[in-house]
């Protein structure tokens, strides 16, 4: 029989500001997810979607998730169902190495969760090793990866063209061999958010949500609104904090 594992601390290393609730690892801010070592012939992941997946799903503005196996991108999809199982690999011989599951779109428009990690009956799993260096990145669209996969610069916001793994922040963490946390929301600032009329936009201030699990305009996941959920700062204590806000 298959083996089913919950994405808890005993099985995975939680990446970024995640929260284990309702038997699922909730992914809110950009770049959140789980990393683990695996040795198995087959790996499936059961994802859960946010409240937007209960109705008609806009595939341009859903939660974009990616899965890397030994650094190779094996999955890149928009979560379109409230619950779905996706096969990452299914081989005749065991695959051994590190798996990284990440939500690469931002929390304002997209939330997702990992509810199960499923292996063949002989497979094994353990958390990825924690790094000696920890960095927290606080930013806006540049950190989120807004439009990084859109060849037309004039196009407007879509989560489907965001990819946090192609940003300076993710690449810096990887280059330095660091664990990271991303706190980023496109158009959010310190004194004012994005504005096109010269007036302060106090609705989009990142400090309002710095102590939270995330922020979303109109979605919840398993009944949780991340903007109402306090972040446990003991869960990730950074050695360095990088702030890039208010850029143009």
C-alpha atoms as a PDB file:
ATOM      1  CA  UNK A   1       0.000   0.000   0.000  1.00  0.00           C
ATOM      2  CA  UNK A   2       0.971   3.632  -0.463  1.00  0.00           C
ATOM      3  CA  UNK A   3       2.382   5.617   2.423  1.00  0.00           C
ATOM      4  CA  UNK A   4       0.832   8.967   3.317  1.00  0.00           C
ATOM      5  CA  UNK A   5       2.759  11.636   5.225  1.00  0.00           C
ATOM      6  CA  UNK A   6       1.554  14.908   6.679  1.00  0.00           C
ATOM      7  CA  UNK A   7       3.829  17.919   5.979  1.00  0.00           C
ATOM      8  CA  UNK A   8       4.731  18.284   9.673  1.00  0.00           C
ATOM      9  CA  UNK A   9       8.133  19.114  11.165  1.00  0.00           C
ATOM     10  CA  UNK A  10       8.973  15.435  11.564  1.00  0.00           C
ATOM     11  CA  UNK A  11       8.662  14.903   7.792  1.00  0.00           C
ATOM     12  CA  UNK A  12       9.533  18.222   6.105  1.00  0.00           C
ATOM     13  CA  UNK A  13      11.379  21.473   6.632  1.00  0.00           C
ATOM     14  CA  UNK A  14       8.836  24.262   6.424  1.00  0.00           C
ATOM     15  CA  UNK A  15       9.918  27.031   4.043  1.00  0.00           C
ATOM     16  CA  UNK A  16       8.939  30.622   4.759  1.00  0.00           C
ATOM     17  CA  UNK A  17       5.905  31.686   6.778  1.00  0.00           C
ATOM     18  CA  UNK A  18       3.823  28.540   6.804  1.00  0.00           C
ATOM     19  CA  UNK A  19       1.173  27.311   9.212  1.00  0.00           C
ATOM     20  CA  UNK A  20       0.162  23.744   9.977  1.00  0.00           C
ATOM     21  CA  UNK A  21      -3.597  23.750  10.479  1.00  0.00           C
ATOM     22  CA  UNK A  22      -6.546  21.505   9.578  1.00  0.00           C
ATOM     23  CA  UNK A  23      -4.001  18.763   8.710  1.00  0.00           C
ATOM     24  CA  UNK A  24      -2.524  20.936   5.951  1.00  0.00           C
ATOM     25  CA  UNK A  25       0.547  23.122   5.587  1.00  0.00           C
ATOM     26  CA  UNK A  26      -0.816  26.505   4.509  1.00  0.00           C
ATOM     27  CA  UNK A  27       1.255  28.537   2.030  1.00  0.00           C
ATOM     28  CA  UNK A  28       0.488  32.254   1.915  1.00  0.00           C
ATOM     29  CA  UNK A  29       3.368  34.672   1.193  1.00  0.00           C
ATOM     30  CA  UNK A  30       5.483  34.131  -1.928  1.00  0.00           C
ATOM     31  CA  UNK A  31       8.022  31.324  -1.816  1.00  0.00           C
ATOM     32  CA  UNK A  32       6.391  29.422   1.043  1.00  0.00           C
ATOM     33  CA  UNK A  33       6.283  25.643   1.121  1.00  0.00           C
ATOM     34  CA  UNK A  34       8.197  22.563   2.220  1.00  0.00           C
ATOM     35  CA  UNK A  35      11.527  20.862   1.551  1.00  0.00           C
ATOM     36  CA  UNK A  36      12.451  17.255   2.251  1.00  0.00           C
ATOM     37  CA  UNK A  37      14.779  14.412   1.358  1.00  0.00           C
ATOM     38  CA  UNK A  38      13.120  11.528  -0.436  1.00  0.00           C
ATOM     39  CA  UNK A  39      13.987   8.058  -1.624  1.00  0.00           C
ATOM     40  CA  UNK A  40      11.070   6.600  -3.548  1.00  0.00           C
ATOM     41  CA  UNK A  41       9.876   5.283  -6.888  1.00  0.00           C
ATOM     42  CA  UNK A  42       6.757   7.427  -6.844  1.00  0.00           C
ATOM     43  CA  UNK A  43       5.952  10.793  -5.306  1.00  0.00           C
ATOM     44  CA  UNK A  44       2.477  12.339  -5.293  1.00  0.00           C
ATOM     45  CA  UNK A  45       1.467  15.569  -3.562  1.00  0.00           C
ATOM     46  CA  UNK A  46      -2.070  16.431  -2.513  1.00  0.00           C
ATOM     47  CA  UNK A  47      -2.705  20.169  -2.734  1.00  0.00           C
ATOM     48  CA  UNK A  48      -5.630  22.155  -1.388  1.00  0.00           C
ATOM     49  CA  UNK A  49      -6.881  25.356  -2.971  1.00  0.00           C
ATOM     50  CA  UNK A  50      -8.241  28.575  -1.508  1.00  0.00           C
ATOM     51  CA  UNK A  51     -11.869  29.701  -1.516  1.00  0.00           C
ATOM     52  CA  UNK A  52     -11.564  30.792  -5.150  1.00  0.00           C
ATOM     53  CA  UNK A  53     -11.364  27.128  -6.191  1.00  0.00           C
ATOM     54  CA  UNK A  54     -14.911  26.518  -4.955  1.00  0.00           C
ATOM     55  CA  UNK A  55     -16.322  28.303  -7.981  1.00  0.00           C
ATOM     56  CA  UNK A  56     -15.141  29.308 -11.432  1.00  0.00           C
ATOM     57  CA  UNK A  57     -11.344  29.476 -11.326  1.00  0.00           C
ATOM     58  CA  UNK A  58      -9.446  32.187 -13.191  1.00  0.00           C
ATOM     59  CA  UNK A  59      -6.362  30.257 -14.284  1.00  0.00           C
ATOM     60  CA  UNK A  60      -4.498  33.537 -14.700  1.00  0.00           C
ATOM     61  CA  UNK A  61      -5.041  34.372 -11.048  1.00  0.00           C
ATOM     62  CA  UNK A  62      -4.867  31.158  -9.054  1.00  0.00           C
ATOM     63  CA  UNK A  63      -2.154  29.830  -6.782  1.00  0.00           C
ATOM     64  CA  UNK A  64       0.898  28.928  -8.849  1.00  0.00           C
ATOM     65  CA  UNK A  65       2.903  26.071  -7.353  1.00  0.00           C
ATOM     66  CA  UNK A  66       6.180  24.528  -8.473  1.00  0.00           C
ATOM     67  CA  UNK A  67       8.042  21.401  -7.383  1.00  0.00           C
ATOM     68  CA  UNK A  68      11.791  20.930  -7.760  1.00  0.00           C
ATOM     69  CA  UNK A  69      13.507  17.543  -7.497  1.00  0.00           C
ATOM     70  CA  UNK A  70      17.271  17.910  -7.090  1.00  0.00           C
ATOM     71  CA  UNK A  71      16.967  21.432  -8.500  1.00  0.00           C
ATOM     72  CA  UNK A  72      15.021  20.369 -11.608  1.00  0.00           C
ATOM     73  CA  UNK A  73      11.527  21.785 -12.059  1.00  0.00           C
ATOM     74  CA  UNK A  74       9.153  18.817 -12.226  1.00  0.00           C
ATOM     75  CA  UNK A  75       5.832  20.627 -11.734  1.00  0.00           C
ATOM     76  CA  UNK A  76       4.517  24.095 -12.550  1.00  0.00           C
ATOM     77  CA  UNK A  77       0.758  24.519 -12.303  1.00  0.00           C
ATOM     78  CA  UNK A  78      -2.127  26.663 -11.162  1.00  0.00           C
ATOM     79  CA  UNK A  79      -4.198  25.049  -8.395  1.00  0.00           C
ATOM     80  CA  UNK A  80      -7.715  24.924  -9.821  1.00  0.00           C
ATOM     81  CA  UNK A  81      -9.487  22.535  -7.431  1.00  0.00           C
ATOM     82  CA  UNK A  82     -10.240  22.614  -3.727  1.00  0.00           C
ATOM     83  CA  UNK A  83      -8.270  19.356  -3.455  1.00  0.00           C
ATOM     84  CA  UNK A  84      -6.184  17.543  -6.053  1.00  0.00           C
ATOM     85  CA  UNK A  85      -3.434  14.923  -6.139  1.00  0.00           C
ATOM     86  CA  UNK A  86      -0.553  15.510  -8.545  1.00  0.00           C
ATOM     87  CA  UNK A  87       2.118  12.958  -9.501  1.00  0.00           C
ATOM     88  CA  UNK A  88       5.608  14.451  -9.362  1.00  0.00           C
ATOM     89  CA  UNK A  89       7.453  11.340 -10.531  1.00  0.00           C
ATOM     90  CA  UNK A  90       6.736   7.642 -11.049  1.00  0.00           C
ATOM     91  CA  UNK A  91       9.851   5.626 -11.895  1.00  0.00           C
ATOM     92  CA  UNK A  92      10.928   1.970 -12.004  1.00  0.00           C
ATOM     93  CA  UNK A  93      13.990   2.715  -9.885  1.00  0.00           C
ATOM     94  CA  UNK A  94      14.027   4.840  -6.708  1.00  0.00           C
ATOM     95  CA  UNK A  95      14.693   8.555  -7.010  1.00  0.00           C
ATOM     96  CA  UNK A  96      16.872   9.947  -4.242  1.00  0.00           C
ATOM     97  CA  UNK A  97      17.430  13.598  -3.364  1.00  0.00           C
ATOM     98  CA  UNK A  98      15.847  16.847  -2.212  1.00  0.00           C
ATOM     99  CA  UNK A  99      12.322  17.918  -3.080  1.00  0.00           C
ATOM    100  CA  UNK A 100      11.171  21.520  -2.772  1.00  0.00           C
ATOM    101  CA  UNK A 101       7.459  22.391  -2.999  1.00  0.00           C
ATOM    102  CA  UNK A 102       6.789  26.124  -3.282  1.00  0.00           C
ATOM    103  CA  UNK A 103       3.918  28.500  -3.962  1.00  0.00           C
ATOM    104  CA  UNK A 104       5.541  31.105  -6.192  1.00  0.00           C
ATOM    105  CA  UNK A 105       2.590  33.505  -6.520  1.00  0.00           C
ATOM    106  CA  UNK A 106       1.712  36.052  -3.859  1.00  0.00           C
ATOM    107  CA  UNK A 107      -0.843  35.875  -1.091  1.00  0.00           C
ATOM    108  CA  UNK A 108      -2.915  38.897  -2.139  1.00  0.00           C
ATOM    109  CA  UNK A 109      -4.657  36.823  -4.826  1.00  0.00           C
ATOM    110  CA  UNK A 110      -3.644  33.220  -4.207  1.00  0.00           C
ATOM    111  CA  UNK A 111      -3.357  30.801  -1.299  1.00  0.00           C
ATOM    112  CA  UNK A 112      -2.701  27.070  -1.297  1.00  0.00           C
ATOM    113  CA  UNK A 113      -1.786  24.212   0.995  1.00  0.00           C
ATOM    114  CA  UNK A 114      -0.068  20.835   1.090  1.00  0.00           C
ATOM    115  CA  UNK A 115      -2.280  18.229   2.722  1.00  0.00           C
ATOM    116  CA  UNK A 116      -0.457  14.960   1.963  1.00  0.00           C
ATOM    117  CA  UNK A 117       2.820  13.649   0.608  1.00  0.00           C
ATOM    118  CA  UNK A 118       2.271  10.181  -0.853  1.00  0.00           C
ATOM    119  CA  UNK A 119       5.041   7.644  -1.533  1.00  0.00           C
ATOM    120  CA  UNK A 120       5.138   4.037  -2.697  1.00  0.00           C
ATOM    121  CA  UNK A 121       5.217   1.420   0.061  1.00  0.00           C
ATOM    122  CA  UNK A 122       9.021   1.260   0.143  1.00  0.00           C
ATOM    123  CA  UNK A 123       9.648   5.015  -0.043  1.00  0.00           C
ATOM    124  CA  UNK A 124      11.145   7.142   2.727  1.00  0.00           C
ATOM    125  CA  UNK A 125      11.064  10.824   3.652  1.00  0.00           C
ATOM    126  CA  UNK A 126      12.856  13.107   6.102  1.00  0.00           C
ATOM    127  CA  UNK A 127      13.147  16.905   6.501  1.00  0.00           C
ATOM    128  CA  UNK A 128      15.730  18.713   4.394  1.00  0.00           C
ATOM    129  CA  UNK A 129      18.706  19.891   6.420  1.00  0.00           C
ATOM    130  CA  UNK A 130      18.424  23.339   7.954  1.00  0.00           C
ATOM    131  CA  UNK A 131      20.960  25.904   6.750  1.00  0.00           C
ATOM    132  CA  UNK A 132      23.351  27.740   9.043  1.00  0.00           C
ATOM    133  CA  UNK A 133      22.349  31.115   7.549  1.00  0.00           C
ATOM    134  CA  UNK A 134      18.828  32.569   7.661  1.00  0.00           C
ATOM    135  CA  UNK A 135      17.680  35.643   5.694  1.00  0.00           C
ATOM    136  CA  UNK A 136      14.364  37.441   5.698  1.00  0.00           C
ATOM    137  CA  UNK A 137      13.445  39.488   2.625  1.00  0.00           C
ATOM    138  CA  UNK A 138      10.830  42.244   2.982  1.00  0.00           C
ATOM    139  CA  UNK A 139       9.668  43.721  -0.302  1.00  0.00           C
ATOM    140  CA  UNK A 140       7.039  44.458  -2.905  1.00  0.00           C
ATOM    141  CA  UNK A 141       6.507  43.357  -6.512  1.00  0.00           C
ATOM    142  CA  UNK A 142      10.232  42.949  -7.202  1.00  0.00           C
ATOM    143  CA  UNK A 143      10.478  40.394  -4.408  1.00  0.00           C
ATOM    144  CA  UNK A 144       7.210  38.695  -5.439  1.00  0.00           C
ATOM    145  CA  UNK A 145       8.336  38.294  -9.042  1.00  0.00           C
ATOM    146  CA  UNK A 146       5.452  40.298 -10.524  1.00  0.00           C
ATOM    147  CA  UNK A 147       5.322  39.730 -14.299  1.00  0.00           C
ATOM    148  CA  UNK A 148       8.691  37.972 -14.432  1.00  0.00           C
ATOM    149  CA  UNK A 149       7.266  35.390 -16.888  1.00  0.00           C
ATOM    150  CA  UNK A 150       5.301  37.897 -18.977  1.00  0.00           C
ATOM    151  CA  UNK A 151       7.020  38.873 -22.263  1.00  0.00           C
ATOM    152  CA  UNK A 152       4.795  41.960 -22.595  1.00  0.00           C
ATOM    153  CA  UNK A 153       5.797  44.567 -20.029  1.00  0.00           C
ATOM    154  CA  UNK A 154       2.561  46.538 -20.441  1.00  0.00           C
ATOM    155  CA  UNK A 155       0.395  43.646 -19.241  1.00  0.00           C
ATOM    156  CA  UNK A 156      -1.300  43.936 -15.882  1.00  0.00           C
ATOM    157  CA  UNK A 157      -1.066  41.725 -12.811  1.00  0.00           C
ATOM    158  CA  UNK A 158      -1.522  37.948 -13.121  1.00  0.00           C
ATOM    159  CA  UNK A 159      -0.427  35.339 -10.620  1.00  0.00           C
ATOM    160  CA  UNK A 160       0.236  33.011 -13.557  1.00  0.00           C
ATOM    161  CA  UNK A 161       3.181  35.209 -14.639  1.00  0.00           C
ATOM    162  CA  UNK A 162       4.647  35.568 -11.139  1.00  0.00           C
ATOM    163  CA  UNK A 163       7.512  33.314 -10.094  1.00  0.00           C
ATOM    164  CA  UNK A 164       9.250  34.110  -6.842  1.00  0.00           C
ATOM    165  CA  UNK A 165      12.060  31.641  -7.642  1.00  0.00           C
ATOM    166  CA  UNK A 166      13.264  33.959 -10.429  1.00  0.00           C
ATOM    167  CA  UNK A 167      13.734  36.956  -8.127  1.00  0.00           C
ATOM    168  CA  UNK A 168      16.880  38.463  -6.617  1.00  0.00           C
ATOM    169  CA  UNK A 169      15.727  37.299  -3.171  1.00  0.00           C
ATOM    170  CA  UNK A 170      15.351  33.599  -3.926  1.00  0.00           C
ATOM    171  CA  UNK A 171      18.521  33.545  -6.025  1.00  0.00           C
ATOM    172  CA  UNK A 172      20.484  35.334  -3.294  1.00  0.00           C
ATOM    173  CA  UNK A 173      19.351  32.812  -0.685  1.00  0.00           C
ATOM    174  CA  UNK A 174      20.324  29.927  -2.950  1.00  0.00           C
ATOM    175  CA  UNK A 175      23.708  31.467  -3.823  1.00  0.00           C
ATOM    176  CA  UNK A 176      24.527  31.955  -0.131  1.00  0.00           C
ATOM    177  CA  UNK A 177      23.190  28.555   0.932  1.00  0.00           C
ATOM    178  CA  UNK A 178      20.649  30.202   3.224  1.00  0.00           C
ATOM    179  CA  UNK A 179      17.170  29.391   4.464  1.00  0.00           C
ATOM    180  CA  UNK A 180      14.830  32.281   3.731  1.00  0.00           C
ATOM    181  CA  UNK A 181      11.529  33.903   4.543  1.00  0.00           C
ATOM    182  CA  UNK A 182       9.764  36.266   2.125  1.00  0.00           C
ATOM    183  CA  UNK A 183       7.365  38.971   3.291  1.00  0.00           C
ATOM    184  CA  UNK A 184       6.264  40.686   0.106  1.00  0.00           C
ATOM    185  CA  UNK A 185       3.120  42.177  -1.423  1.00  0.00           C
ATOM    186  CA  UNK A 186       3.020  43.896  -4.823  1.00  0.00           C
ATOM    187  CA  UNK A 187       2.304  47.616  -4.588  1.00  0.00           C
ATOM    188  CA  UNK A 188       2.644  47.722  -0.800  1.00  0.00           C
ATOM    189  CA  UNK A 189       4.917  50.272   0.854  1.00  0.00           C
ATOM    190  CA  UNK A 190       5.829  51.720   4.245  1.00  0.00           C
ATOM    191  CA  UNK A 191       4.116  55.146   4.159  1.00  0.00           C
ATOM    192  CA  UNK A 192       1.998  54.595   1.055  1.00  0.00           C
ATOM    193  CA  UNK A 193       1.141  51.785  -1.288  1.00  0.00           C
ATOM    194  CA  UNK A 194       1.012  52.130  -5.072  1.00  0.00           C
ATOM    195  CA  UNK A 195      -0.856  55.235  -6.150  1.00  0.00           C
ATOM    196  CA  UNK A 196      -1.412  56.910  -9.518  1.00  0.00           C
ATOM    197  CA  UNK A 197      -3.095  60.096  -8.309  1.00  0.00           C
ATOM    198  CA  UNK A 198      -0.443  61.603  -6.056  1.00  0.00           C
ATOM    199  CA  UNK A 199      -2.386  60.787  -2.895  1.00  0.00           C
ATOM    200  CA  UNK A 200      -1.236  58.429  -0.187  1.00  0.00           C
ATOM    201  CA  UNK A 201      -2.628  54.902  -0.413  1.00  0.00           C
ATOM    202  CA  UNK A 202      -2.864  53.816   3.211  1.00  0.00           C
ATOM    203  CA  UNK A 203      -4.797  50.651   2.336  1.00  0.00           C
ATOM    204  CA  UNK A 204      -1.638  48.986   1.048  1.00  0.00           C
ATOM    205  CA  UNK A 205       0.894  49.301   3.837  1.00  0.00           C
ATOM    206  CA  UNK A 206       3.122  46.317   4.473  1.00  0.00           C
ATOM    207  CA  UNK A 207       3.786  47.107   8.176  1.00  0.00           C
ATOM    208  CA  UNK A 208       0.092  46.369   8.856  1.00  0.00           C
ATOM    209  CA  UNK A 209       0.693  42.732   7.920  1.00  0.00           C
ATOM    210  CA  UNK A 210       4.314  42.186   8.923  1.00  0.00           C
ATOM    211  CA  UNK A 211       3.242  40.378  12.078  1.00  0.00           C
ATOM    212  CA  UNK A 212       0.740  38.203  10.186  1.00  0.00           C
ATOM    213  CA  UNK A 213       0.859  34.954   8.248  1.00  0.00           C
ATOM    214  CA  UNK A 214       0.101  36.873   5.052  1.00  0.00           C
ATOM    215  CA  UNK A 215      -2.496  39.101   3.430  1.00  0.00           C
ATOM    216  CA  UNK A 216      -5.220  38.423   0.881  1.00  0.00           C
ATOM    217  CA  UNK A 217      -7.786  40.654  -0.786  1.00  0.00           C
ATOM    218  CA  UNK A 218     -10.596  38.153  -1.078  1.00  0.00           C
ATOM    219  CA  UNK A 219      -9.633  34.533  -0.379  1.00  0.00           C
ATOM    220  CA  UNK A 220      -9.337  32.166   2.571  1.00  0.00           C
ATOM    221  CA  UNK A 221      -7.915  28.680   2.873  1.00  0.00           C
ATOM    222  CA  UNK A 222      -9.585  26.096   5.102  1.00  0.00           C
ATOM    223  CA  UNK A 223     -11.496  29.015   6.583  1.00  0.00           C
ATOM    224  CA  UNK A 224      -8.315  30.872   7.583  1.00  0.00           C
ATOM    225  CA  UNK A 225      -7.668  34.453   6.467  1.00  0.00           C
ATOM    226  CA  UNK A 226      -3.880  34.887   6.824  1.00  0.00           C
ATOM    227  CA  UNK A 227      -4.281  38.599   7.561  1.00  0.00           C
ATOM    228  CA  UNK A 228      -6.006  37.625  10.805  1.00  0.00           C
ATOM    229  CA  UNK A 229      -3.463  34.967  11.805  1.00  0.00           C
ATOM    230  CA  UNK A 230      -0.487  36.082  13.930  1.00  0.00           C
ATOM    231  CA  UNK A 231       2.930  34.885  12.815  1.00  0.00           C
ATOM    232  CA  UNK A 232       5.061  33.069  15.384  1.00  0.00           C
ATOM    233  CA  UNK A 233       8.416  34.850  15.142  1.00  0.00           C
ATOM    234  CA  UNK A 234      10.130  32.030  17.035  1.00  0.00           C
ATOM    235  CA  UNK A 235       9.471  29.814  14.013  1.00  0.00           C
ATOM    236  CA  UNK A 236      12.094  31.630  11.939  1.00  0.00           C
ATOM    237  CA  UNK A 237      14.746  33.908  13.471  1.00  0.00           C
ATOM    238  CA  UNK A 238      16.787  35.544  10.670  1.00  0.00           C
ATOM    239  CA  UNK A 239      20.458  36.447  10.857  1.00  0.00           C
ATOM    240  CA  UNK A 240      19.924  39.217   8.308  1.00  0.00           C
ATOM    241  CA  UNK A 241      16.911  41.199   7.101  1.00  0.00           C
ATOM    242  CA  UNK A 242      16.838  42.736   3.616  1.00  0.00           C
ATOM    243  CA  UNK A 243      14.277  45.490   2.950  1.00  0.00           C
ATOM    244  CA  UNK A 244      13.483  46.683  -0.577  1.00  0.00           C
ATOM    245  CA  UNK A 245      10.286  48.735  -0.552  1.00  0.00           C
ATOM    246  CA  UNK A 246       9.032  51.723  -2.522  1.00  0.00           C
ATOM    247  CA  UNK A 247      11.068  50.957  -5.649  1.00  0.00           C
ATOM    248  CA  UNK A 248       9.979  52.113  -9.094  1.00  0.00           C
END
